[in-house]
């Protein structure tokens, strides 16, 4: 069962929230929609859920048109599960009642008898490690437990498409890591198709089969996590995913000249960077050397200790700022001038 989005546009009172979106989500895929606040990712999710009607374009699920500019299939007539950022649990229902509810009321429910529903409820609660808390109310649960219940409820009817709207944004850092692992394991064990909306690149890179990077209502790049991380197609993707530095210089074919005559040859850089005379390089792709060892120099503005490494911020002679990672035991003094070199790119199998 594929979900196909063709030439999708969405306007709100003259503001275009989505611009000509084209995307295919294959059966069983885990797709992450990644982008900053206001980029249109939640609008896209709401259109897939049936909460909004598009201004233009078509959405098909399993070869059936569920939305276009003239008609829309309501959410209750789509076999879709949804996990909200705020959990959206009913305060007067126990954990078991939360999970049973969609099976009692959905037209897609396969569980017609009370015994079937009880067995399915027990099964999905076991999947999310909540089998001993069926009698509790939301007020008696932690944030992570509430999210597990929301996921179990969304999975109860075995939806064709599971939509997740920044489900980990309200959790603390350690719990985010744990829940990320649990969601990935759930997808591997249960299967199904997932569309996961997030602004956190670590979530997208760590869980998704395919990432869709968005900015200002447009898709910037679609690819695997490695493709997005190692081969960004434009400066926005390079800086948003992996926080690449964009070094100014000049291109001559595949040779880039930067600073006062430093050169590097790279066959992998996208043409969009060459058109703007930029070279994308991540903080670990640079090395700090003595100021006499490179013709690309800058003054250290900040040294930020990060455990195993230091993050060094330099103001270069062209007034551009660079981030460089250095070993924690490498002595780099704030206020002093150093040289910077671009390391030779490692060959990564994409």
Protein backbone atom coordinates (compact mmCIF):
# COMPACT_ATOMS: atom_id res chain seq x y z
CA UNK A 1 0.00 0.00 0.00
CA UNK A 2 1.73 3.17 -1.20
CA UNK A 3 0.87 6.75 -0.32
CA UNK A 4 1.39 9.10 -3.26
CA UNK A 5 1.40 12.91 -3.08
CA UNK A 6 1.34 14.77 -6.39
CA UNK A 7 1.77 18.52 -7.00
CA UNK A 8 0.37 19.35 -3.55
CA UNK A 9 -0.14 23.02 -2.63
CA UNK A 10 -1.65 24.52 0.51
CA UNK A 11 -2.56 28.18 1.02
CA UNK A 12 -3.78 29.91 4.18
CA UNK A 13 -5.23 33.39 3.58
CA UNK A 14 -2.71 34.20 0.87
CA UNK A 15 0.22 32.48 2.59
CA UNK A 16 1.53 29.43 0.73
CA UNK A 17 2.41 26.84 3.36
CA UNK A 18 3.23 24.05 0.88
CA UNK A 19 4.60 24.47 -2.64
CA UNK A 20 4.31 21.73 -5.24
CA UNK A 21 5.02 18.75 -2.95
CA UNK A 22 5.68 15.42 -4.69
CA UNK A 23 6.40 12.38 -2.57
CA UNK A 24 5.84 8.61 -2.63
CA UNK A 25 5.82 6.64 0.62
CA UNK A 26 6.21 2.94 -0.11
CA UNK A 27 4.62 0.15 1.88
CA UNK A 28 6.64 -0.60 5.02
CA UNK A 29 8.86 2.50 4.80
CA UNK A 30 9.81 4.68 7.75
CA UNK A 31 9.90 8.21 6.30
CA UNK A 32 10.99 11.22 8.35
CA UNK A 33 9.90 14.74 7.39
CA UNK A 34 12.70 16.95 8.71
CA UNK A 35 12.78 20.72 8.83
CA UNK A 36 12.73 23.83 11.02
CA UNK A 37 9.61 25.30 12.60
CA UNK A 38 7.28 26.79 10.00
CA UNK A 39 8.62 24.76 7.07
CA UNK A 40 5.26 23.05 6.39
CA UNK A 41 5.95 19.57 7.76
CA UNK A 42 3.00 19.49 10.19
CA UNK A 43 0.71 20.95 7.52
CA UNK A 44 1.69 18.05 5.27
CA UNK A 45 0.95 15.57 8.04
CA UNK A 46 -2.47 17.15 8.72
CA UNK A 47 -3.32 16.90 5.02
CA UNK A 48 -2.45 13.19 5.06
CA UNK A 49 -4.56 12.70 8.18
CA UNK A 50 -7.59 14.36 6.57
CA UNK A 51 -7.74 17.41 8.84
CA UNK A 52 -7.20 19.81 5.92
CA UNK A 53 -8.21 19.99 2.26
CA UNK A 54 -5.42 20.93 -0.17
CA UNK A 55 -5.61 24.07 -2.28
CA UNK A 56 -4.31 22.06 -5.22
CA UNK A 57 -2.87 18.63 -5.94
CA UNK A 58 -3.79 15.04 -5.10
CA UNK A 59 -3.20 12.59 -2.25
CA UNK A 60 -3.67 8.88 -2.97
CA UNK A 61 -3.58 6.06 -0.44
CA UNK A 62 -3.62 2.53 -1.85
CA UNK A 63 -4.50 3.91 -5.32
CA UNK A 64 -7.60 5.69 -3.97
CA UNK A 65 -7.84 9.49 -4.06
CA UNK A 66 -8.38 10.66 -0.47
CA UNK A 67 -7.89 14.40 -1.07
CA UNK A 68 -7.80 16.95 -3.85
CA UNK A 69 -8.96 20.55 -4.25
CA UNK A 70 -12.62 19.48 -4.65
CA UNK A 71 -13.15 16.67 -2.16
CA UNK A 72 -11.65 15.13 0.93
CA UNK A 73 -12.06 11.79 2.65
CA UNK A 74 -12.66 12.43 6.35
CA UNK A 75 -10.15 11.07 8.93
CA UNK A 76 -12.52 8.37 10.20
CA UNK A 77 -12.73 6.92 6.67
CA UNK A 78 -8.95 6.53 6.35
CA UNK A 79 -7.19 3.64 8.03
CA UNK A 80 -4.62 5.92 9.63
CA UNK A 81 -3.16 6.00 13.12
CA UNK A 82 -1.82 9.22 14.64
CA UNK A 83 0.49 10.00 17.54
CA UNK A 84 0.24 13.62 18.64
CA UNK A 85 2.98 15.78 20.13
CA UNK A 86 0.82 16.38 23.22
CA UNK A 87 -0.17 12.66 23.57
CA UNK A 88 -3.93 13.57 23.39
CA UNK A 89 -4.94 10.95 25.97
CA UNK A 90 -8.42 11.14 27.47
CA UNK A 91 -8.06 11.99 31.18
CA UNK A 92 -11.14 9.95 32.25
CA UNK A 93 -10.01 6.69 30.59
CA UNK A 94 -7.61 4.06 31.85
CA UNK A 95 -4.68 2.88 29.74
CA UNK A 96 -6.63 -0.16 28.56
CA UNK A 97 -9.68 1.94 27.69
CA UNK A 98 -7.51 4.33 25.64
CA UNK A 99 -6.21 1.46 23.51
CA UNK A 100 -9.57 -0.33 23.19
CA UNK A 101 -11.51 2.79 22.13
CA UNK A 102 -10.43 2.94 18.43
CA UNK A 103 -11.17 -0.76 18.01
CA UNK A 104 -14.71 -0.18 19.25
CA UNK A 105 -15.45 2.76 16.94
CA UNK A 106 -13.33 2.49 13.77
CA UNK A 107 -14.91 1.11 10.60
CA UNK A 108 -11.53 -0.52 9.88
CA UNK A 109 -11.45 -2.51 13.11
CA UNK A 110 -10.82 -6.23 12.67
CA UNK A 111 -11.65 -6.85 16.32
CA UNK A 112 -15.41 -7.23 16.49
CA UNK A 113 -15.87 -9.05 19.79
CA UNK A 114 -14.95 -7.95 23.28
CA UNK A 115 -12.63 -10.94 23.63
CA UNK A 116 -10.80 -10.02 20.38
CA UNK A 117 -10.39 -6.42 21.54
CA UNK A 118 -9.11 -7.45 24.98
CA UNK A 119 -6.54 -9.79 23.42
CA UNK A 120 -5.40 -7.11 20.98
CA UNK A 121 -5.19 -4.50 23.75
CA UNK A 122 -3.03 -6.82 25.87
CA UNK A 123 -0.82 -7.57 22.84
CA UNK A 124 -0.09 -3.93 21.90
CA UNK A 125 0.44 -2.91 25.53
CA UNK A 126 3.00 -5.70 25.79
CA UNK A 127 4.66 -4.38 22.62
CA UNK A 128 5.22 -0.99 24.30
CA UNK A 129 6.09 -2.46 27.74
CA UNK A 130 2.92 -1.14 29.40
CA UNK A 131 1.22 -4.47 30.10
CA UNK A 132 1.26 -3.98 33.89
CA UNK A 133 -0.28 -0.49 33.81
CA UNK A 134 -3.60 -1.12 32.09
CA UNK A 135 -5.63 0.18 35.01
CA UNK A 136 -3.84 3.51 35.40
CA UNK A 137 -5.10 6.91 34.30
CA UNK A 138 -2.99 9.46 32.37
CA UNK A 139 -2.45 11.54 35.52
CA UNK A 140 -0.68 8.54 37.04
CA UNK A 141 1.79 8.15 34.16
CA UNK A 142 5.14 9.74 33.31
CA UNK A 143 5.73 11.50 29.98
CA UNK A 144 7.40 8.44 28.49
CA UNK A 145 4.58 6.16 29.66
CA UNK A 146 1.97 8.50 28.15
CA UNK A 147 3.80 8.39 24.84
CA UNK A 148 3.87 4.59 24.91
CA UNK A 149 0.10 4.52 25.47
CA UNK A 150 -0.43 6.97 22.58
CA UNK A 151 1.66 4.72 20.32
CA UNK A 152 -0.21 1.59 21.44
CA UNK A 153 -3.55 3.28 20.73
CA UNK A 154 -2.38 4.33 17.25
CA UNK A 155 -1.22 0.76 16.48
CA UNK A 156 -4.33 -0.98 17.84
CA UNK A 157 -6.21 -1.11 14.52
CA UNK A 158 -3.12 -2.03 12.47
CA UNK A 159 -3.27 1.19 10.42
CA UNK A 160 -2.16 1.38 6.78
CA UNK A 161 -0.24 4.54 7.65
CA UNK A 162 1.04 5.70 11.05
CA UNK A 163 1.54 9.46 11.41
CA UNK A 164 3.75 10.76 14.21
CA UNK A 165 3.90 14.50 14.90
CA UNK A 166 7.11 15.32 16.83
CA UNK A 167 6.21 12.62 19.39
CA UNK A 168 9.41 12.97 21.45
CA UNK A 169 9.62 16.75 21.71
CA UNK A 170 8.19 16.88 25.25
CA UNK A 171 10.57 14.27 26.68
CA UNK A 172 13.94 14.77 28.38
CA UNK A 173 17.16 13.94 26.54
CA UNK A 174 17.74 10.45 27.98
CA UNK A 175 14.11 9.41 27.55
CA UNK A 176 14.19 10.64 23.94
CA UNK A 177 17.04 8.22 23.21
CA UNK A 178 15.17 5.33 24.85
CA UNK A 179 11.89 6.08 23.03
CA UNK A 180 13.72 6.50 19.73
CA UNK A 181 15.11 3.01 20.12
CA UNK A 182 11.68 1.63 21.09
CA UNK A 183 9.93 3.21 18.09
CA UNK A 184 12.60 1.81 15.74
CA UNK A 185 12.25 -1.66 17.26
CA UNK A 186 8.46 -1.45 17.02
CA UNK A 187 8.65 -0.61 13.33
CA UNK A 188 11.00 -3.52 12.70
CA UNK A 189 8.85 -6.01 14.62
CA UNK A 190 5.37 -4.83 13.58
CA UNK A 191 6.12 -3.48 10.10
CA UNK A 192 3.71 -0.96 8.65
CA UNK A 193 4.33 2.41 7.10
CA UNK A 194 5.40 5.39 9.22
CA UNK A 195 5.54 9.11 8.47
CA UNK A 196 7.48 10.79 11.27
CA UNK A 197 7.61 14.59 11.56
CA UNK A 198 10.55 16.13 13.44
CA UNK A 199 12.90 19.10 13.59
CA UNK A 200 15.57 16.96 15.29
CA UNK A 201 18.13 15.63 12.82
CA UNK A 202 19.35 12.93 15.23
CA UNK A 203 15.85 11.41 15.32
CA UNK A 204 15.55 11.44 11.53
CA UNK A 205 19.06 10.10 10.92
CA UNK A 206 18.74 7.41 13.58
CA UNK A 207 15.32 5.97 12.72
CA UNK A 208 14.26 6.66 9.13
CA UNK A 209 14.72 4.64 5.94
CA UNK A 210 14.17 7.83 3.95
CA UNK A 211 14.39 11.51 4.95
CA UNK A 212 12.52 14.37 3.33
CA UNK A 213 14.17 17.72 4.16
CA UNK A 214 11.82 20.72 3.95
CA UNK A 215 12.26 24.48 4.10
CA UNK A 216 9.75 27.28 3.51
CA UNK A 217 7.07 24.90 2.24
CA UNK A 218 9.28 23.16 -0.30
CA UNK A 219 11.10 19.83 -0.41
CA UNK A 220 14.84 20.47 -0.52
CA UNK A 221 16.10 16.90 -0.73
CA UNK A 222 14.86 13.31 -0.48
CA UNK A 223 17.30 10.51 0.29
CA UNK A 224 18.59 7.93 2.73
CA UNK A 225 20.09 9.22 5.99
CA UNK A 226 23.62 8.73 4.60
CA UNK A 227 22.79 10.49 1.34
CA UNK A 228 21.34 13.47 3.18
CA UNK A 229 24.22 13.67 5.65
CA UNK A 230 27.17 13.10 3.32
CA UNK A 231 25.84 14.46 0.02
CA UNK A 232 23.62 17.51 0.66
CA UNK A 233 22.28 19.03 -2.55
CA UNK A 234 22.26 22.67 -1.44
CA UNK A 235 23.55 25.01 1.30
CA UNK A 236 20.33 24.78 3.37
CA UNK A 237 20.52 20.99 3.69
CA UNK A 238 24.26 21.14 4.40
CA UNK A 239 23.78 23.54 7.30
CA UNK A 240 20.54 22.10 8.70
CA UNK A 241 21.65 18.46 8.66
CA UNK A 242 25.08 18.10 10.20
CA UNK A 243 25.66 21.84 10.63
CA UNK A 244 28.20 22.06 7.84
CA UNK A 245 30.50 25.05 7.49
CA UNK A 246 30.22 26.82 4.14
CA UNK A 247 33.70 28.00 3.19
CA UNK A 248 33.96 30.80 0.63
CA UNK A 249 36.41 30.51 -2.23
CA UNK A 250 36.39 29.73 -5.95
CA UNK A 251 35.87 26.60 -8.04
CA UNK A 252 37.75 25.61 -11.16
CA UNK A 253 36.23 22.32 -12.27
CA UNK A 254 36.66 20.01 -9.27
CA UNK A 255 39.38 22.12 -7.62
CA UNK A 256 38.44 24.54 -4.85
CA UNK A 257 40.71 27.42 -3.82
CA UNK A 258 40.18 29.02 -0.41
CA UNK A 259 41.99 31.38 1.95
CA UNK A 260 45.17 32.74 0.40
CA UNK A 261 45.85 29.98 -2.09
CA UNK A 262 44.95 26.75 -0.25
CA UNK A 263 43.54 24.15 -2.65
CA UNK A 264 41.57 20.93 -2.44
CA UNK A 265 40.20 18.63 -5.15
CA UNK A 266 36.75 17.11 -4.56
CA UNK A 267 34.64 15.24 -7.12
CA UNK A 268 31.60 14.79 -4.84
CA UNK A 269 30.40 18.37 -4.26
CA UNK A 270 27.00 19.25 -5.73
CA UNK A 271 26.83 21.85 -8.51
CA UNK A 272 24.67 24.16 -6.38
CA UNK A 273 27.67 24.82 -4.10
CA UNK A 274 29.98 25.42 -7.05
CA UNK A 275 27.52 27.95 -8.47
CA UNK A 276 27.82 29.95 -5.22
CA UNK A 277 31.59 29.33 -4.83
CA UNK A 278 31.08 27.50 -1.54
CA UNK A 279 32.62 24.34 -0.10
CA UNK A 280 30.53 22.41 2.48
CA UNK A 281 32.51 20.74 5.26
CA UNK A 282 31.47 19.52 8.69
CA UNK A 283 33.26 20.46 11.89
CA UNK A 284 35.14 17.15 11.98
CA UNK A 285 36.29 17.66 8.38
CA UNK A 286 38.56 20.54 9.40
CA UNK A 287 41.79 20.57 11.38
CA UNK A 288 43.45 23.37 13.31
CA UNK A 289 47.17 23.87 12.65
CA UNK A 290 49.73 26.54 13.42
CA UNK A 291 49.14 29.84 11.65
CA UNK A 292 52.29 29.30 9.56
CA UNK A 293 51.05 25.90 8.34
CA UNK A 294 48.06 27.15 6.35
CA UNK A 295 47.10 30.15 4.25
CA UNK A 296 43.56 29.98 5.67
CA UNK A 297 43.64 31.61 9.08
CA UNK A 298 41.32 32.76 11.82
CA UNK A 299 41.14 33.92 15.44
CA UNK A 300 39.65 31.60 18.05
CA UNK A 301 36.53 33.21 19.52
CA UNK A 302 35.19 30.35 21.65
CA UNK A 303 36.41 27.02 23.01
CA UNK A 304 33.51 24.86 24.17
CA UNK A 305 34.33 21.69 26.12
CA UNK A 306 32.07 18.79 25.02
CA UNK A 307 33.61 15.83 26.82
CA UNK A 308 35.66 13.82 24.31
CA UNK A 309 36.18 16.86 22.11
CA UNK A 310 36.18 20.65 22.06
CA UNK A 311 34.09 22.72 19.69
CA UNK A 312 36.19 25.62 18.44
CA UNK A 313 34.59 28.72 16.90
CA UNK A 314 36.95 30.76 14.71
CA UNK A 315 36.46 34.10 12.98
CA UNK A 316 38.29 33.81 9.69
CA UNK A 317 40.06 36.60 7.82
CA UNK A 318 37.08 36.88 5.43
CA UNK A 319 34.81 37.45 8.52
CA UNK A 320 33.17 34.04 8.08
CA UNK A 321 32.77 31.95 11.25
CA UNK A 322 33.76 28.27 11.32
CA UNK A 323 33.08 25.43 13.74
CA UNK A 324 35.89 22.92 14.19
CA UNK A 325 36.02 19.83 16.40
CA UNK A 326 39.35 19.18 18.11
CA UNK A 327 40.49 16.58 20.64
CA UNK A 328 39.77 17.65 24.21
CA UNK A 329 43.47 17.40 25.09
CA UNK A 330 44.53 19.55 22.12
CA UNK A 331 45.56 22.96 23.42
CA UNK A 332 43.80 25.76 21.55
CA UNK A 333 43.82 29.23 23.12
CA UNK A 334 41.00 31.71 22.83
CA UNK A 335 42.02 34.98 21.17
CA UNK A 336 44.96 33.51 19.25
CA UNK A 337 45.30 33.03 15.49
CA UNK A 338 45.51 29.56 13.97
CA UNK A 339 45.58 28.03 10.53
CA UNK A 340 42.75 25.78 9.30
CA UNK A 341 42.93 23.01 6.73
CA UNK A 342 40.20 21.03 5.00
CA UNK A 343 40.81 17.32 5.47
CA UNK A 344 40.59 15.02 2.49
CA UNK A 345 37.06 13.66 2.25
CA UNK A 346 36.68 10.03 3.36
CA UNK A 347 34.98 7.66 0.96
CA UNK A 348 31.67 6.63 2.53
CA UNK A 349 29.51 3.90 1.03
CA UNK A 350 26.08 5.45 0.50
